[in-house]
Amino acid sequence: MPNETTTENSLSKEQQVALDLCRSGENIFLTGGAGSGKSYVVREFMKDVDPKQMPILASTGAAAVLLGGRTFHSFFGLGIMEGGPEATFNRIMNDAKT
């Protein structure tokens, strides 16, 4: 298993910027094409974080599974937006979990 220095040296400039933003406490939306290293950056970040304190959210189920996270819809209890946006918003606001 490579040490942190070796791993961080293998990051691209863009990946290092994203990792630094994560570590600074910024909320970020990490996006990029297939194979661009998004999951790699997230895994590097999660090495230093308690997963119970920092949810990893993804827009698709496949990405969520790959990262060991959850989809936005699952995390926020959005479901399939039955009843439209207003009904969904009201349901979320009345849900004690969120």
Foldseek 3Di string as FASTA:
>chain_A
DDDLVVLLVPDDPVLNVVLVCVVVVHDDDDDDDPPPCPLVSVVSNCVPDDCVVDADEDCDPVVCVSNVHYHPCVQQVQPPQPPHDVVSVVVSVPDPSD
